[in-house]
């Protein structure tokens, strides 16, 4: 069975379930150029997307982003050409905007990796886009949801819904070692945030909370990068108080997870975050850290013993408490291995086909 995975956004600099599943199932992945750091770079990256090439299992096809209505028609036409050329049997789509699902010539399974079912202008979801996403889900053969909360919310949009949660790479973490000493923080209690640093992640407030309790016995690192002005301003403001590591290669990121005593998830609370299962929550725990998170509903429902919840305004108070309780929490992560999750997906797809 030839499978084509379409990610929400192509980004090989972070752990992404689409790439993990595609690798496990030896499948194709669609990719495209995208750079939103400035208007000029955005235009250049979109021009670069007007190409067709195959790089092993990574596929590039000409894509249009604007105007949206015409772009969707054009993209779907080109995608159908690719499906015919590569004899694709099944498309697993996690992208919300680029294609018209009901007109794709192969079987389509929609992978709802985030809550895109409510208007949320902070991530570009207006009512017209939400309506399109719902229509695409209805037109799909089946729907995969990343959490039970999201599946419940999507109930009624598609008769076949399967929950397949995010996972972790057990082998990668097994090989990784702490690099606290290399960071010059060997004798410090280390708080950290690893991942995307968009405004909705709450990273600014997390920094403010940490500096309230900062002393010679602790430290905080941020692993991630953004060219957006707000994050560059944040780095300048806290450059003497917080260690900004920047972007690190995916093969090295486990070292940083292994170095933390407490991992932070300071996400703003909304539909988009409430119904998510952040991969970083699992990776913090697998690395041996305890986790401090804002009260995300789906994450709370998992009852992970290594996660403590608090409002962002209470992070400093909880961080101080957690620093005095430096004990590890045991948890069996085998149930969350990417291999197991990919097997669940494979079995579900066989049922469909």
C-alpha atoms as a PDB file:
ATOM      1  CA  UNK A   1       0.000   0.000   0.000  1.00  0.00           C
ATOM      2  CA  UNK A   2       1.479   3.336  -1.110  1.00  0.00           C
ATOM      3  CA  UNK A   3       0.795   6.053   1.472  1.00  0.00           C
ATOM      4  CA  UNK A   4       1.378   9.790   1.187  1.00  0.00           C
ATOM      5  CA  UNK A   5       1.533  11.819   4.407  1.00  0.00           C
ATOM      6  CA  UNK A   6       0.771  15.549   4.299  1.00  0.00           C
ATOM      7  CA  UNK A   7       2.004  17.378   7.413  1.00  0.00           C
ATOM      8  CA  UNK A   8       0.261  20.332   9.025  1.00  0.00           C
ATOM      9  CA  UNK A   9       3.441  22.334   8.395  1.00  0.00           C
ATOM     10  CA  UNK A  10       6.674  20.789   7.086  1.00  0.00           C
ATOM     11  CA  UNK A  11       9.386  21.166   9.730  1.00  0.00           C
ATOM     12  CA  UNK A  12      12.143  18.623  10.168  1.00  0.00           C
ATOM     13  CA  UNK A  13      13.776  20.692  12.924  1.00  0.00           C
ATOM     14  CA  UNK A  14      11.289  19.365  15.485  1.00  0.00           C
ATOM     15  CA  UNK A  15       9.771  15.995  16.320  1.00  0.00           C
ATOM     16  CA  UNK A  16       6.646  15.639  14.208  1.00  0.00           C
ATOM     17  CA  UNK A  17       4.203  12.729  14.308  1.00  0.00           C
ATOM     18  CA  UNK A  18       3.791  12.795  10.511  1.00  0.00           C
ATOM     19  CA  UNK A  19       7.506  12.159   9.970  1.00  0.00           C
ATOM     20  CA  UNK A  20       7.585   9.488  12.667  1.00  0.00           C
ATOM     21  CA  UNK A  21       4.624   7.638  11.141  1.00  0.00           C
ATOM     22  CA  UNK A  22       5.922   7.999   7.585  1.00  0.00           C
ATOM     23  CA  UNK A  23       9.324   6.660   8.608  1.00  0.00           C
ATOM     24  CA  UNK A  24       7.801   3.694  10.450  1.00  0.00           C
ATOM     25  CA  UNK A  25       5.529   2.845   7.507  1.00  0.00           C
ATOM     26  CA  UNK A  26       8.177   3.583   4.832  1.00  0.00           C
ATOM     27  CA  UNK A  27       5.859   6.083   3.149  1.00  0.00           C
ATOM     28  CA  UNK A  28       6.035   9.295   1.141  1.00  0.00           C
ATOM     29  CA  UNK A  29       5.878  12.736   2.794  1.00  0.00           C
ATOM     30  CA  UNK A  30       4.778  15.907   1.033  1.00  0.00           C
ATOM     31  CA  UNK A  31       6.927  18.970   1.709  1.00  0.00           C
ATOM     32  CA  UNK A  32       7.102  22.615   0.660  1.00  0.00           C
ATOM     33  CA  UNK A  33       9.097  25.791   1.257  1.00  0.00           C
ATOM     34  CA  UNK A  34       7.784  28.175   3.915  1.00  0.00           C
ATOM     35  CA  UNK A  35       9.394  31.130   5.716  1.00  0.00           C
ATOM     36  CA  UNK A  36       7.120  33.629   7.465  1.00  0.00           C
ATOM     37  CA  UNK A  37       9.909  35.592   9.180  1.00  0.00           C
ATOM     38  CA  UNK A  38       9.465  38.567   6.816  1.00  0.00           C
ATOM     39  CA  UNK A  39       7.304  39.554   3.855  1.00  0.00           C
ATOM     40  CA  UNK A  40      10.172  39.254   1.365  1.00  0.00           C
ATOM     41  CA  UNK A  41      11.218  35.818   2.659  1.00  0.00           C
ATOM     42  CA  UNK A  42       7.607  34.697   2.590  1.00  0.00           C
ATOM     43  CA  UNK A  43       7.322  35.683  -1.089  1.00  0.00           C
ATOM     44  CA  UNK A  44      10.642  33.991  -1.941  1.00  0.00           C
ATOM     45  CA  UNK A  45       9.719  30.777  -0.110  1.00  0.00           C
ATOM     46  CA  UNK A  46       6.351  30.614  -1.874  1.00  0.00           C
ATOM     47  CA  UNK A  47       8.046  31.085  -5.241  1.00  0.00           C
ATOM     48  CA  UNK A  48      10.375  28.209  -4.349  1.00  0.00           C
ATOM     49  CA  UNK A  49       7.301  26.083  -3.708  1.00  0.00           C
ATOM     50  CA  UNK A  50       6.398  26.226  -7.397  1.00  0.00           C
ATOM     51  CA  UNK A  51       8.499  23.172  -8.210  1.00  0.00           C
ATOM     52  CA  UNK A  52       8.204  19.413  -8.595  1.00  0.00           C
ATOM     53  CA  UNK A  53      10.905  17.116  -7.292  1.00  0.00           C
ATOM     54  CA  UNK A  54      11.345  13.807  -5.490  1.00  0.00           C
ATOM     55  CA  UNK A  55      14.055  13.360  -2.852  1.00  0.00           C
ATOM     56  CA  UNK A  56      13.802   9.697  -1.819  1.00  0.00           C
ATOM     57  CA  UNK A  57      10.518   9.598   0.143  1.00  0.00           C
ATOM     58  CA  UNK A  58      10.201  13.394   0.355  1.00  0.00           C
ATOM     59  CA  UNK A  59       8.004  14.875  -2.390  1.00  0.00           C
ATOM     60  CA  UNK A  60       7.779  18.497  -3.533  1.00  0.00           C
ATOM     61  CA  UNK A  61       4.998  19.664  -5.847  1.00  0.00           C
ATOM     62  CA  UNK A  62       4.032  23.157  -7.076  1.00  0.00           C
ATOM     63  CA  UNK A  63       1.773  24.774  -4.480  1.00  0.00           C
ATOM     64  CA  UNK A  64      -0.094  28.078  -4.275  1.00  0.00           C
ATOM     65  CA  UNK A  65      -0.879  29.710  -0.923  1.00  0.00           C
ATOM     66  CA  UNK A  66      -2.655  32.864  -2.141  1.00  0.00           C
ATOM     67  CA  UNK A  67      -5.347  33.519  -3.142  1.00  0.00           C
ATOM     68  CA  UNK A  68      -6.707  30.709  -0.978  1.00  0.00           C
ATOM     69  CA  UNK A  69      -9.780  29.767  -3.031  1.00  0.00           C
ATOM     70  CA  UNK A  70      -7.865  29.413  -6.297  1.00  0.00           C
ATOM     71  CA  UNK A  71      -4.826  27.950  -4.508  1.00  0.00           C
ATOM     72  CA  UNK A  72      -6.876  25.053  -3.104  1.00  0.00           C
ATOM     73  CA  UNK A  73      -8.162  24.146  -6.583  1.00  0.00           C
ATOM     74  CA  UNK A  74      -4.697  24.372  -8.145  1.00  0.00           C
ATOM     75  CA  UNK A  75      -3.032  22.401  -5.331  1.00  0.00           C
ATOM     76  CA  UNK A  76      -5.631  19.634  -5.465  1.00  0.00           C
ATOM     77  CA  UNK A  77      -5.203  19.318  -9.250  1.00  0.00           C
ATOM     78  CA  UNK A  78      -1.406  18.976  -8.874  1.00  0.00           C
ATOM     79  CA  UNK A  79      -1.776  16.561  -5.955  1.00  0.00           C
ATOM     80  CA  UNK A  80      -4.008  14.316  -8.052  1.00  0.00           C
ATOM     81  CA  UNK A  81      -1.325  14.273 -10.747  1.00  0.00           C
ATOM     82  CA  UNK A  82       1.193  13.145  -8.111  1.00  0.00           C
ATOM     83  CA  UNK A  83      -1.194  10.475  -6.821  1.00  0.00           C
ATOM     84  CA  UNK A  84      -1.555   9.067 -10.320  1.00  0.00           C
ATOM     85  CA  UNK A  85       2.173   9.280 -11.074  1.00  0.00           C
ATOM     86  CA  UNK A  86       3.249   7.507  -7.848  1.00  0.00           C
ATOM     87  CA  UNK A  87       0.203   5.228  -7.657  1.00  0.00           C
ATOM     88  CA  UNK A  88      -0.741   6.465  -4.187  1.00  0.00           C
ATOM     89  CA  UNK A  89      -3.459   4.365  -2.541  1.00  0.00           C
ATOM     90  CA  UNK A  90      -3.993   6.435   0.583  1.00  0.00           C
ATOM     91  CA  UNK A  91      -3.421  10.029   1.679  1.00  0.00           C
ATOM     92  CA  UNK A  92      -3.127  10.882   5.368  1.00  0.00           C
ATOM     93  CA  UNK A  93      -3.721  14.613   5.567  1.00  0.00           C
ATOM     94  CA  UNK A  94      -2.891  16.821   8.551  1.00  0.00           C
ATOM     95  CA  UNK A  95      -2.982  20.083   6.587  1.00  0.00           C
ATOM     96  CA  UNK A  96      -5.925  22.378   7.126  1.00  0.00           C
ATOM     97  CA  UNK A  97      -5.871  24.695   4.126  1.00  0.00           C
ATOM     98  CA  UNK A  98      -4.008  23.590   0.994  1.00  0.00           C
ATOM     99  CA  UNK A  99      -6.337  20.965  -0.520  1.00  0.00           C
ATOM    100  CA  UNK A 100      -9.981  20.150  -1.214  1.00  0.00           C
ATOM    101  CA  UNK A 101     -10.352  16.721   0.384  1.00  0.00           C
ATOM    102  CA  UNK A 102     -13.542  15.692  -1.414  1.00  0.00           C
ATOM    103  CA  UNK A 103     -11.789  16.135  -4.782  1.00  0.00           C
ATOM    104  CA  UNK A 104      -8.639  14.163  -3.977  1.00  0.00           C
ATOM    105  CA  UNK A 105      -8.575  11.062  -6.178  1.00  0.00           C
ATOM    106  CA  UNK A 106      -7.207   8.678  -3.515  1.00  0.00           C
ATOM    107  CA  UNK A 107      -8.651   7.494  -0.215  1.00  0.00           C
ATOM    108  CA  UNK A 108      -8.105  10.213   2.428  1.00  0.00           C
ATOM    109  CA  UNK A 109      -7.769   9.899   6.183  1.00  0.00           C
ATOM    110  CA  UNK A 110      -7.742  13.222   8.037  1.00  0.00           C
ATOM    111  CA  UNK A 111      -5.211  13.490  10.875  1.00  0.00           C
ATOM    112  CA  UNK A 112      -6.485  16.145  13.293  1.00  0.00           C
ATOM    113  CA  UNK A 113      -3.294  16.872  15.209  1.00  0.00           C
ATOM    114  CA  UNK A 114      -4.553  20.142  16.744  1.00  0.00           C
ATOM    115  CA  UNK A 115      -7.936  21.620  17.569  1.00  0.00           C
ATOM    116  CA  UNK A 116      -8.817  23.457  14.379  1.00  0.00           C
ATOM    117  CA  UNK A 117     -12.541  23.271  15.047  1.00  0.00           C
ATOM    118  CA  UNK A 118     -12.923  26.703  16.648  1.00  0.00           C
ATOM    119  CA  UNK A 119     -12.086  30.214  15.486  1.00  0.00           C
ATOM    120  CA  UNK A 120      -8.660  31.219  16.847  1.00  0.00           C
ATOM    121  CA  UNK A 121      -7.130  34.274  15.195  1.00  0.00           C
ATOM    122  CA  UNK A 122      -3.871  33.888  17.140  1.00  0.00           C
ATOM    123  CA  UNK A 123      -3.048  30.889  14.926  1.00  0.00           C
ATOM    124  CA  UNK A 124      -4.800  32.199  11.805  1.00  0.00           C
ATOM    125  CA  UNK A 125      -8.073  30.289  12.146  1.00  0.00           C
ATOM    126  CA  UNK A 126     -10.970  32.453  11.001  1.00  0.00           C
ATOM    127  CA  UNK A 127     -14.535  31.201  10.618  1.00  0.00           C
ATOM    128  CA  UNK A 128     -14.183  30.520   6.882  1.00  0.00           C
ATOM    129  CA  UNK A 129     -11.151  28.314   7.481  1.00  0.00           C
ATOM    130  CA  UNK A 130     -12.853  26.448  10.303  1.00  0.00           C
ATOM    131  CA  UNK A 131     -15.831  25.780   8.033  1.00  0.00           C
ATOM    132  CA  UNK A 132     -13.495  24.403   5.341  1.00  0.00           C
ATOM    133  CA  UNK A 133     -11.728  22.128   7.830  1.00  0.00           C
ATOM    134  CA  UNK A 134     -15.032  20.679   9.014  1.00  0.00           C
ATOM    135  CA  UNK A 135     -16.119  20.022   5.432  1.00  0.00           C
ATOM    136  CA  UNK A 136     -12.783  18.322   4.716  1.00  0.00           C
ATOM    137  CA  UNK A 137     -13.193  16.075   7.756  1.00  0.00           C
ATOM    138  CA  UNK A 138     -16.706  15.116   6.640  1.00  0.00           C
ATOM    139  CA  UNK A 139     -15.369  14.250   3.181  1.00  0.00           C
ATOM    140  CA  UNK A 140     -12.605  12.000   4.525  1.00  0.00           C
ATOM    141  CA  UNK A 141     -12.853   8.221   4.756  1.00  0.00           C
ATOM    142  CA  UNK A 142     -11.934   8.404   8.451  1.00  0.00           C
ATOM    143  CA  UNK A 143     -10.624  10.774  11.094  1.00  0.00           C
ATOM    144  CA  UNK A 144      -7.630  10.318  13.381  1.00  0.00           C
ATOM    145  CA  UNK A 145      -7.499  12.489  16.514  1.00  0.00           C
ATOM    146  CA  UNK A 146      -4.516  13.123  18.750  1.00  0.00           C
ATOM    147  CA  UNK A 147      -6.563  13.081  21.990  1.00  0.00           C
ATOM    148  CA  UNK A 148      -9.817  11.652  23.266  1.00  0.00           C
ATOM    149  CA  UNK A 149     -10.980  15.210  24.021  1.00  0.00           C
ATOM    150  CA  UNK A 150     -10.562  16.174  20.387  1.00  0.00           C
ATOM    151  CA  UNK A 151     -12.308  13.006  19.211  1.00  0.00           C
ATOM    152  CA  UNK A 152     -15.283  13.825  21.409  1.00  0.00           C
ATOM    153  CA  UNK A 153     -15.400  17.345  20.014  1.00  0.00           C
ATOM    154  CA  UNK A 154     -15.230  16.055  16.422  1.00  0.00           C
ATOM    155  CA  UNK A 155     -17.985  13.515  17.019  1.00  0.00           C
ATOM    156  CA  UNK A 156     -20.652  13.987  14.365  1.00  0.00           C
ATOM    157  CA  UNK A 157     -18.245  15.208  11.682  1.00  0.00           C
ATOM    158  CA  UNK A 158     -17.164  11.720  10.624  1.00  0.00           C
ATOM    159  CA  UNK A 159     -18.560   8.260  11.531  1.00  0.00           C
ATOM    160  CA  UNK A 160     -15.091   6.653  11.783  1.00  0.00           C
ATOM    161  CA  UNK A 161     -12.850   8.231  14.414  1.00  0.00           C
ATOM    162  CA  UNK A 162      -9.706   6.709  15.857  1.00  0.00           C
ATOM    163  CA  UNK A 163      -7.601   8.219  18.660  1.00  0.00           C
ATOM    164  CA  UNK A 164      -3.870   7.811  18.061  1.00  0.00           C
ATOM    165  CA  UNK A 165      -1.891   9.879  20.530  1.00  0.00           C
ATOM    166  CA  UNK A 166       1.574  11.347  20.126  1.00  0.00           C
ATOM    167  CA  UNK A 167       4.590   9.269  21.075  1.00  0.00           C
ATOM    168  CA  UNK A 168       8.270   9.332  22.003  1.00  0.00           C
ATOM    169  CA  UNK A 169      11.477   7.796  20.678  1.00  0.00           C
ATOM    170  CA  UNK A 170      12.561   5.374  23.401  1.00  0.00           C
ATOM    171  CA  UNK A 171      15.853   4.432  21.731  1.00  0.00           C
ATOM    172  CA  UNK A 172      16.905   8.018  21.116  1.00  0.00           C
ATOM    173  CA  UNK A 173      16.414   8.896  24.789  1.00  0.00           C
ATOM    174  CA  UNK A 174      18.063   5.684  25.932  1.00  0.00           C
ATOM    175  CA  UNK A 175      21.247   6.698  24.119  1.00  0.00           C
ATOM    176  CA  UNK A 176      21.189  10.359  25.211  1.00  0.00           C
ATOM    177  CA  UNK A 177      23.146  11.721  28.172  1.00  0.00           C
ATOM    178  CA  UNK A 178      22.804  14.927  30.191  1.00  0.00           C
ATOM    179  CA  UNK A 179      24.966  17.837  29.048  1.00  0.00           C
ATOM    180  CA  UNK A 180      24.533  19.957  32.175  1.00  0.00           C
ATOM    181  CA  UNK A 181      28.288  20.122  32.694  1.00  0.00           C
ATOM    182  CA  UNK A 182      28.851  21.196  29.080  1.00  0.00           C
ATOM    183  CA  UNK A 183      26.349  23.999  29.639  1.00  0.00           C
ATOM    184  CA  UNK A 184      28.243  25.083  32.761  1.00  0.00           C
ATOM    185  CA  UNK A 185      25.207  24.300  34.928  1.00  0.00           C
ATOM    186  CA  UNK A 186      26.313  21.073  36.590  1.00  0.00           C
ATOM    187  CA  UNK A 187      25.443  22.101  40.153  1.00  0.00           C
ATOM    188  CA  UNK A 188      22.294  24.034  39.291  1.00  0.00           C
ATOM    189  CA  UNK A 189      18.669  22.900  39.510  1.00  0.00           C
ATOM    190  CA  UNK A 190      17.660  23.283  35.885  1.00  0.00           C
ATOM    191  CA  UNK A 191      14.306  24.488  34.608  1.00  0.00           C
ATOM    192  CA  UNK A 192      13.767  24.475  30.869  1.00  0.00           C
ATOM    193  CA  UNK A 193      11.474  24.969  27.917  1.00  0.00           C
ATOM    194  CA  UNK A 194      12.115  23.055  24.678  1.00  0.00           C
ATOM    195  CA  UNK A 195      10.172  23.550  21.456  1.00  0.00           C
ATOM    196  CA  UNK A 196       8.390  26.195  19.408  1.00  0.00           C
ATOM    197  CA  UNK A 197       8.394  29.675  20.910  1.00  0.00           C
ATOM    198  CA  UNK A 198       5.330  31.293  19.320  1.00  0.00           C
ATOM    199  CA  UNK A 199       3.518  33.830  21.496  1.00  0.00           C
ATOM    200  CA  UNK A 200       0.707  31.420  22.399  1.00  0.00           C
ATOM    201  CA  UNK A 201       3.245  29.121  24.119  1.00  0.00           C
ATOM    202  CA  UNK A 202       3.372  31.581  27.026  1.00  0.00           C
ATOM    203  CA  UNK A 203       7.161  31.655  26.982  1.00  0.00           C
ATOM    204  CA  UNK A 204       7.313  35.351  27.914  1.00  0.00           C
ATOM    205  CA  UNK A 205       5.320  34.807  31.101  1.00  0.00           C
ATOM    206  CA  UNK A 206       7.400  31.735  31.953  1.00  0.00           C
ATOM    207  CA  UNK A 207      10.554  33.855  31.803  1.00  0.00           C
ATOM    208  CA  UNK A 208       9.001  36.468  34.089  1.00  0.00           C
ATOM    209  CA  UNK A 209       7.995  33.772  36.569  1.00  0.00           C
ATOM    210  CA  UNK A 210      11.458  32.209  36.658  1.00  0.00           C
ATOM    211  CA  UNK A 211      13.347  35.439  37.353  1.00  0.00           C
ATOM    212  CA  UNK A 212      11.196  35.916  40.473  1.00  0.00           C
ATOM    213  CA  UNK A 213      12.903  32.889  42.055  1.00  0.00           C
ATOM    214  CA  UNK A 214      16.243  32.987  40.288  1.00  0.00           C
ATOM    215  CA  UNK A 215      19.273  32.446  42.524  1.00  0.00           C
ATOM    216  CA  UNK A 216      22.739  30.885  42.460  1.00  0.00           C
ATOM    217  CA  UNK A 217      21.322  27.368  42.891  1.00  0.00           C
ATOM    218  CA  UNK A 218      19.056  27.299  39.814  1.00  0.00           C
ATOM    219  CA  UNK A 219      19.014  28.175  36.125  1.00  0.00           C
ATOM    220  CA  UNK A 220      16.680  28.142  33.137  1.00  0.00           C
ATOM    221  CA  UNK A 221      17.319  27.257  29.488  1.00  0.00           C
ATOM    222  CA  UNK A 222      15.172  27.810  26.407  1.00  0.00           C
ATOM    223  CA  UNK A 223      15.816  25.527  23.439  1.00  0.00           C
ATOM    224  CA  UNK A 224      14.084  26.936  20.385  1.00  0.00           C
ATOM    225  CA  UNK A 225      14.274  29.924  18.084  1.00  0.00           C
ATOM    226  CA  UNK A 226      12.102  32.452  16.301  1.00  0.00           C
ATOM    227  CA  UNK A 227      12.932  35.420  14.094  1.00  0.00           C
ATOM    228  CA  UNK A 228       9.827  37.215  15.290  1.00  0.00           C
ATOM    229  CA  UNK A 229      10.485  40.574  16.919  1.00  0.00           C
ATOM    230  CA  UNK A 230       8.825  39.675  20.210  1.00  0.00           C
ATOM    231  CA  UNK A 231      11.180  36.724  20.764  1.00  0.00           C
ATOM    232  CA  UNK A 232      14.266  38.701  19.778  1.00  0.00           C
ATOM    233  CA  UNK A 233      13.187  41.364  22.297  1.00  0.00           C
ATOM    234  CA  UNK A 234      12.668  38.630  24.893  1.00  0.00           C
ATOM    235  CA  UNK A 235      16.218  37.370  24.400  1.00  0.00           C
ATOM    236  CA  UNK A 236      17.640  40.860  24.800  1.00  0.00           C
ATOM    237  CA  UNK A 237      15.608  41.465  27.973  1.00  0.00           C
ATOM    238  CA  UNK A 238      16.607  38.208  29.695  1.00  0.00           C
ATOM    239  CA  UNK A 239      20.023  37.486  28.136  1.00  0.00           C
ATOM    240  CA  UNK A 240      21.758  37.863  31.519  1.00  0.00           C
ATOM    241  CA  UNK A 241      19.229  35.772  33.439  1.00  0.00           C
ATOM    242  CA  UNK A 242      18.197  32.909  31.121  1.00  0.00           C
ATOM    243  CA  UNK A 243      20.267  30.698  28.819  1.00  0.00           C
ATOM    244  CA  UNK A 244      18.913  30.887  25.250  1.00  0.00           C
ATOM    245  CA  UNK A 245      20.279  27.837  23.430  1.00  0.00           C
ATOM    246  CA  UNK A 246      18.612  28.457  20.068  1.00  0.00           C
ATOM    247  CA  UNK A 247      17.569  25.755  17.593  1.00  0.00           C
ATOM    248  CA  UNK A 248      19.327  22.406  17.914  1.00  0.00           C
ATOM    249  CA  UNK A 249      19.266  19.464  15.463  1.00  0.00           C
ATOM    250  CA  UNK A 250      16.529  16.886  16.203  1.00  0.00           C
ATOM    251  CA  UNK A 251      19.170  14.201  16.789  1.00  0.00           C
ATOM    252  CA  UNK A 252      20.689  16.296  19.617  1.00  0.00           C
ATOM    253  CA  UNK A 253      17.571  17.532  21.370  1.00  0.00           C
ATOM    254  CA  UNK A 254      17.249  14.487  23.671  1.00  0.00           C
ATOM    255  CA  UNK A 255      20.462  15.621  25.421  1.00  0.00           C
ATOM    256  CA  UNK A 256      18.698  18.786  26.549  1.00  0.00           C
ATOM    257  CA  UNK A 257      15.612  16.917  27.734  1.00  0.00           C
ATOM    258  CA  UNK A 258      17.946  14.651  29.738  1.00  0.00           C
ATOM    259  CA  UNK A 259      19.567  17.692  31.348  1.00  0.00           C
ATOM    260  CA  UNK A 260      16.409  19.174  32.866  1.00  0.00           C
ATOM    261  CA  UNK A 261      15.090  18.787  36.389  1.00  0.00           C
ATOM    262  CA  UNK A 262      11.768  20.457  35.518  1.00  0.00           C
ATOM    263  CA  UNK A 263      10.300  20.962  32.037  1.00  0.00           C
ATOM    264  CA  UNK A 264       7.853  23.819  31.489  1.00  0.00           C
ATOM    265  CA  UNK A 265       4.643  23.947  29.425  1.00  0.00           C
ATOM    266  CA  UNK A 266       3.349  27.502  29.961  1.00  0.00           C
ATOM    267  CA  UNK A 267       0.798  27.409  27.111  1.00  0.00           C
ATOM    268  CA  UNK A 268      -2.066  29.883  27.014  1.00  0.00           C
ATOM    269  CA  UNK A 269      -5.417  28.210  27.683  1.00  0.00           C
ATOM    270  CA  UNK A 270      -7.747  28.004  24.676  1.00  0.00           C
ATOM    271  CA  UNK A 271      -9.377  25.321  22.510  1.00  0.00           C
ATOM    272  CA  UNK A 272      -6.184  24.872  20.501  1.00  0.00           C
ATOM    273  CA  UNK A 273      -4.053  24.074  23.563  1.00  0.00           C
ATOM    274  CA  UNK A 274      -6.714  22.529  25.799  1.00  0.00           C
ATOM    275  CA  UNK A 275      -7.300  19.577  23.493  1.00  0.00           C
ATOM    276  CA  UNK A 276      -3.639  18.887  22.683  1.00  0.00           C
ATOM    277  CA  UNK A 277      -1.169  16.282  23.879  1.00  0.00           C
ATOM    278  CA  UNK A 278       2.149  18.148  23.549  1.00  0.00           C
ATOM    279  CA  UNK A 279       4.965  15.798  22.570  1.00  0.00           C
ATOM    280  CA  UNK A 280       7.246  17.779  24.888  1.00  0.00           C
ATOM    281  CA  UNK A 281       5.169  16.655  27.901  1.00  0.00           C
ATOM    282  CA  UNK A 282       6.126  13.060  27.164  1.00  0.00           C
ATOM    283  CA  UNK A 283       9.720  13.905  26.283  1.00  0.00           C
ATOM    284  CA  UNK A 284      10.295  15.870  29.483  1.00  0.00           C
ATOM    285  CA  UNK A 285       9.107  12.870  31.490  1.00  0.00           C
ATOM    286  CA  UNK A 286      11.048  10.344  29.436  1.00  0.00           C
ATOM    287  CA  UNK A 287      14.167  12.439  29.951  1.00  0.00           C
ATOM    288  CA  UNK A 288      13.715  12.135  33.708  1.00  0.00           C
ATOM    289  CA  UNK A 289      12.301  15.580  34.454  1.00  0.00           C
ATOM    290  CA  UNK A 290       9.130  16.494  36.248  1.00  0.00           C
ATOM    291  CA  UNK A 291       6.774  18.809  34.374  1.00  0.00           C
ATOM    292  CA  UNK A 292       5.041  22.044  35.310  1.00  0.00           C
ATOM    293  CA  UNK A 293       2.178  22.894  32.971  1.00  0.00           C
ATOM    294  CA  UNK A 294      -0.734  25.244  32.741  1.00  0.00           C
ATOM    295  CA  UNK A 295      -3.976  23.247  33.241  1.00  0.00           C
ATOM    296  CA  UNK A 296      -4.487  21.912  29.708  1.00  0.00           C
ATOM    297  CA  UNK A 297      -7.637  19.795  29.801  1.00  0.00           C
ATOM    298  CA  UNK A 298      -6.549  16.829  27.665  1.00  0.00           C
ATOM    299  CA  UNK A 299      -3.200  16.652  29.444  1.00  0.00           C
ATOM    300  CA  UNK A 300      -4.903  16.716  32.848  1.00  0.00           C
ATOM    301  CA  UNK A 301      -7.139  13.843  31.778  1.00  0.00           C
ATOM    302  CA  UNK A 302      -4.078  11.629  31.207  1.00  0.00           C
ATOM    303  CA  UNK A 303      -3.188  11.766  34.938  1.00  0.00           C
ATOM    304  CA  UNK A 304       0.534  11.490  34.322  1.00  0.00           C
ATOM    305  CA  UNK A 305       2.244  11.242  37.730  1.00  0.00           C
ATOM    306  CA  UNK A 306       5.176  13.409  36.627  1.00  0.00           C
ATOM    307  CA  UNK A 307       3.084  16.486  35.706  1.00  0.00           C
ATOM    308  CA  UNK A 308       2.071  19.283  38.086  1.00  0.00           C
ATOM    309  CA  UNK A 309      -0.514  21.860  36.946  1.00  0.00           C
ATOM    310  CA  UNK A 310      -0.758  25.528  37.860  1.00  0.00           C
ATOM    311  CA  UNK A 311      -1.898  28.823  36.398  1.00  0.00           C
ATOM    312  CA  UNK A 312       0.951  30.686  34.739  1.00  0.00           C
ATOM    313  CA  UNK A 313       0.774  33.370  37.448  1.00  0.00           C
ATOM    314  CA  UNK A 314       1.564  30.658  40.014  1.00  0.00           C
ATOM    315  CA  UNK A 315       4.539  29.166  38.154  1.00  0.00           C
ATOM    316  CA  UNK A 316       7.174  30.905  40.291  1.00  0.00           C
ATOM    317  CA  UNK A 317       5.606  29.586  43.482  1.00  0.00           C
ATOM    318  CA  UNK A 318       5.382  26.034  42.118  1.00  0.00           C
ATOM    319  CA  UNK A 319       8.894  26.186  40.629  1.00  0.00           C
ATOM    320  CA  UNK A 320      10.233  27.093  44.049  1.00  0.00           C
ATOM    321  CA  UNK A 321       8.430  24.129  45.617  1.00  0.00           C
ATOM    322  CA  UNK A 322       9.608  21.721  42.931  1.00  0.00           C
ATOM    323  CA  UNK A 323      13.190  22.788  43.482  1.00  0.00           C
ATOM    324  CA  UNK A 324      13.033  21.452  47.037  1.00  0.00           C
ATOM    325  CA  UNK A 325      11.604  18.086  45.901  1.00  0.00           C
ATOM    326  CA  UNK A 326      14.246  16.817  43.511  1.00  0.00           C
ATOM    327  CA  UNK A 327      12.980  13.253  43.200  1.00  0.00           C
ATOM    328  CA  UNK A 328      12.349  11.372  39.949  1.00  0.00           C
ATOM    329  CA  UNK A 329       8.932   9.909  39.135  1.00  0.00           C
ATOM    330  CA  UNK A 330       8.915   6.425  37.582  1.00  0.00           C
ATOM    331  CA  UNK A 331       6.667   5.859  34.566  1.00  0.00           C
ATOM    332  CA  UNK A 332       6.570   3.191  31.851  1.00  0.00           C
ATOM    333  CA  UNK A 333       6.701   5.001  28.492  1.00  0.00           C
ATOM    334  CA  UNK A 334       6.618   1.860  26.323  1.00  0.00           C
ATOM    335  CA  UNK A 335       2.911   2.406  25.685  1.00  0.00           C
ATOM    336  CA  UNK A 336       3.846   5.736  24.066  1.00  0.00           C
ATOM    337  CA  UNK A 337       6.637   4.599  21.751  1.00  0.00           C
ATOM    338  CA  UNK A 338       6.365   5.851  18.172  1.00  0.00           C
ATOM    339  CA  UNK A 339       6.680   2.253  17.031  1.00  0.00           C
ATOM    340  CA  UNK A 340       3.577   1.274  18.979  1.00  0.00           C
ATOM    341  CA  UNK A 341       1.649   4.320  17.765  1.00  0.00           C
ATOM    342  CA  UNK A 342       2.641   3.590  14.157  1.00  0.00           C
ATOM    343  CA  UNK A 343       1.442   0.001  14.603  1.00  0.00           C
ATOM    344  CA  UNK A 344      -1.931   1.289  15.828  1.00  0.00           C
ATOM    345  CA  UNK A 345      -2.145   3.467  12.733  1.00  0.00           C
ATOM    346  CA  UNK A 346      -1.163   0.646  10.396  1.00  0.00           C
ATOM    347  CA  UNK A 347      -3.818  -1.688  11.824  1.00  0.00           C
ATOM    348  CA  UNK A 348      -6.485   1.012  11.538  1.00  0.00           C
ATOM    349  CA  UNK A 349      -5.568   1.694   7.914  1.00  0.00           C
ATOM    350  CA  UNK A 350      -5.734  -2.009   7.052  1.00  0.00           C
ATOM    351  CA  UNK A 351      -9.271  -2.098   8.434  1.00  0.00           C
ATOM    352  CA  UNK A 352     -10.231   0.844   6.228  1.00  0.00           C
ATOM    353  CA  UNK A 353      -8.697  -0.511   3.048  1.00  0.00           C
END
